[in-house]
Amino acid sequence: MKKILISFFTVLLLGAVINCSSVPEKNPNIQRQWMLISFGNFSKDALIKNKAEINLTGEMEKGKIKGGAYMGCNNMFFSSEFKKDGKVNISGVGSTMKACENMDLETAFIQKFNKMTKYSVEGHFLTLSDDSGNSMKFVAADWD
């Protein structure tokens, strides 16, 4: 009976180790909710008023984070891959199709977001930038 129980627990433990090792490791420095505080000609007040944000807390699949964004009207979705060398790949950007009064921020964001190629995290700030010098700066939503 003792051998059976030891074998049973060994199989359970081995199964748990194998199952956990296949789950992608989360990066708490990146995988959080980020509030947009600097982008193009939009004032910080306008960004805050629109509750502009990206959410990188979604599921990971094959090293890519399923994310969401909101700029005051439509819900957006995308896939992102943050590499250790400071490069980022954003793809599959889409959104709901509600018509709203002021779509300037949302339109500008969608045009620029998937062109971002680099990122940096400094403290509670995330900066995305492209090869043309455009950038977006975010602050972690859980930062006090």
Protein backbone atom coordinates (compact mmCIF):
# COMPACT_ATOMS: atom_id res chain seq x y z
CA MET A 1 0.00 0.00 0.00
CA LYS A 2 2.87 2.38 0.85
CA LYS A 3 4.47 1.83 -2.60
CA ILE A 4 1.17 2.55 -4.33
CA LEU A 5 0.71 5.84 -2.46
CA ILE A 6 4.30 6.92 -3.16
CA SER A 7 3.87 6.11 -6.85
CA PHE A 8 0.56 7.96 -6.95
CA PHE A 9 1.98 11.15 -5.37
CA THR A 10 5.08 10.96 -7.59
CA VAL A 11 2.88 10.90 -10.70
CA LEU A 12 0.81 13.81 -9.38
CA LEU A 13 3.90 15.87 -8.57
CA LEU A 14 5.53 15.11 -11.92
CA GLY A 15 2.31 16.07 -13.73
CA ALA A 16 2.14 19.38 -11.87
CA VAL A 17 5.77 20.18 -12.70
CA ILE A 18 5.29 19.39 -16.40
CA ASN A 19 2.04 21.36 -16.55
CA CYS A 20 3.52 24.42 -14.80
CA SER A 21 6.62 24.45 -16.97
CA SER A 22 4.51 24.83 -20.11
CA VAL A 23 2.80 27.98 -18.81
CA PRO A 24 4.55 31.13 -20.12
CA GLU A 25 6.16 33.21 -17.41
CA LYS A 26 4.49 36.57 -16.79
CA ASN A 27 6.50 39.76 -16.70
CA PRO A 28 5.04 41.97 -13.93
CA ASN A 29 7.01 44.98 -15.21
CA ILE A 30 5.04 44.91 -18.47
CA GLN A 31 1.88 42.88 -17.89
CA ARG A 32 -0.22 45.49 -16.14
CA GLN A 33 -2.72 48.21 -16.92
CA TRP A 34 -1.13 51.42 -18.27
CA MET A 35 -2.66 54.90 -18.40
CA LEU A 36 -1.63 57.03 -21.41
CA ILE A 37 -0.12 60.34 -20.21
CA SER A 38 1.77 61.63 -23.27
CA PHE A 39 0.93 61.19 -26.95
CA GLY A 40 1.29 63.51 -29.93
CA ASN A 41 -0.37 66.90 -29.52
CA PHE A 42 -2.92 65.66 -26.99
CA SER A 43 -2.75 67.25 -23.55
CA LYS A 44 -2.38 65.11 -20.45
CA ASP A 45 -5.77 66.46 -19.30
CA ALA A 46 -7.43 65.28 -22.53
CA LEU A 47 -5.87 61.82 -22.15
CA ILE A 48 -7.05 61.57 -18.55
CA LYS A 49 -10.54 62.84 -19.46
CA ASN A 50 -10.84 60.11 -22.12
CA LYS A 51 -9.50 57.46 -19.70
CA ALA A 52 -6.91 56.54 -22.35
CA GLU A 53 -5.21 53.26 -21.49
CA ILE A 54 -3.77 50.00 -22.66
CA ASN A 55 -4.26 46.80 -20.72
CA LEU A 56 -1.50 44.19 -20.97
CA THR A 57 -2.93 41.79 -18.37
CA GLY A 58 -4.48 39.45 -20.94
CA GLU A 59 -3.55 35.88 -21.69
CA MET A 60 -0.17 34.93 -23.09
CA GLU A 61 -0.08 32.67 -26.12
CA LYS A 62 3.21 31.66 -27.76
CA GLY A 63 5.05 34.55 -26.10
CA LYS A 64 2.46 37.13 -27.17
CA ILE A 65 0.24 39.10 -24.82
CA LYS A 66 -3.39 39.60 -25.81
CA GLY A 67 -4.10 43.19 -24.89
CA GLY A 68 -6.81 45.78 -24.96
CA ALA A 69 -6.99 49.55 -25.24
CA TYR A 70 -9.52 52.30 -24.67
CA MET A 71 -9.30 55.92 -25.82
CA GLY A 72 -12.72 57.19 -24.76
CA CYS A 73 -15.10 55.45 -27.18
CA ASN A 74 -14.40 52.02 -28.69
CA ASN A 75 -12.80 48.99 -27.10
CA MET A 76 -9.67 47.94 -28.95
CA PHE A 77 -7.77 44.68 -29.00
CA PHE A 78 -4.31 43.65 -30.16
CA SER A 79 -1.49 41.19 -29.75
CA SER A 80 1.94 42.29 -28.48
CA GLU A 81 5.32 40.71 -28.07
CA PHE A 82 7.83 42.43 -25.79
CA LYS A 83 11.35 41.14 -26.40
CA LYS A 84 14.27 41.33 -23.99
CA ASP A 85 16.27 43.53 -26.38
CA GLY A 86 13.81 46.45 -26.01
CA LYS A 87 11.90 45.70 -29.20
CA VAL A 88 8.14 45.33 -29.35
CA ASN A 89 5.88 43.91 -32.04
CA ILE A 90 2.24 45.01 -31.98
CA SER A 91 -0.14 43.33 -34.39
CA GLY A 92 -3.77 42.45 -34.97
CA VAL A 93 -5.07 45.85 -33.87
CA GLY A 94 -8.85 46.05 -34.15
CA SER A 95 -11.78 47.71 -32.40
CA THR A 96 -15.50 47.90 -31.96
CA MET A 97 -17.16 50.28 -34.41
CA LYS A 98 -19.19 52.78 -32.36
CA ALA A 99 -19.46 56.30 -33.76
CA CYS A 100 -18.61 58.89 -31.13
CA GLU A 101 -18.47 62.68 -31.08
CA ASN A 102 -14.73 63.08 -30.69
CA MET A 103 -12.76 60.39 -32.48
CA ASP A 104 -9.49 62.35 -32.91
CA LEU A 105 -7.57 60.61 -30.11
CA GLU A 106 -8.76 57.15 -31.06
CA THR A 107 -8.01 57.64 -34.76
CA ALA A 108 -4.50 58.98 -34.05
CA PHE A 109 -3.80 56.17 -31.57
CA ILE A 110 -4.85 53.42 -34.01
CA GLN A 111 -2.72 54.96 -36.78
CA LYS A 112 0.42 55.04 -34.59
CA PHE A 113 0.08 52.17 -32.11
CA ASN A 114 0.97 49.21 -34.33
CA LYS A 115 3.96 51.15 -35.70
CA MET A 116 5.66 51.23 -32.29
CA THR A 117 8.84 49.13 -32.47
CA LYS A 118 10.71 49.87 -29.22
CA TYR A 119 9.82 49.98 -25.55
CA SER A 120 11.40 50.91 -22.26
CA VAL A 121 10.22 50.53 -18.69
CA GLU A 122 11.64 52.99 -16.18
CA GLY A 123 10.12 52.72 -12.73
CA HIS A 124 6.36 52.96 -13.17
CA PHE A 125 6.56 54.35 -16.70
CA LEU A 126 6.30 52.52 -20.04
CA THR A 127 7.38 54.30 -23.21
CA LEU A 128 6.65 52.98 -26.69
CA SER A 129 8.42 54.54 -29.66
CA ASP A 130 8.76 54.07 -33.41
CA ASP A 131 11.64 54.52 -35.84
CA SER A 132 10.43 58.04 -36.77
CA GLY A 133 10.73 59.51 -33.28
CA ASN A 134 7.04 59.27 -32.31
CA SER A 135 6.34 58.03 -28.81
CA MET A 136 3.62 57.19 -26.31
CA LYS A 137 4.23 57.39 -22.57
CA PHE A 138 2.20 55.49 -20.00
CA VAL A 139 2.12 55.30 -16.21
CA ALA A 140 1.15 52.11 -14.37
CA ALA A 141 -2.47 52.34 -13.24
CA ASP A 142 -1.65 50.64 -9.92
CA TRP A 143 1.02 53.19 -9.05
CA ASP A 144 0.11 55.63 -6.29
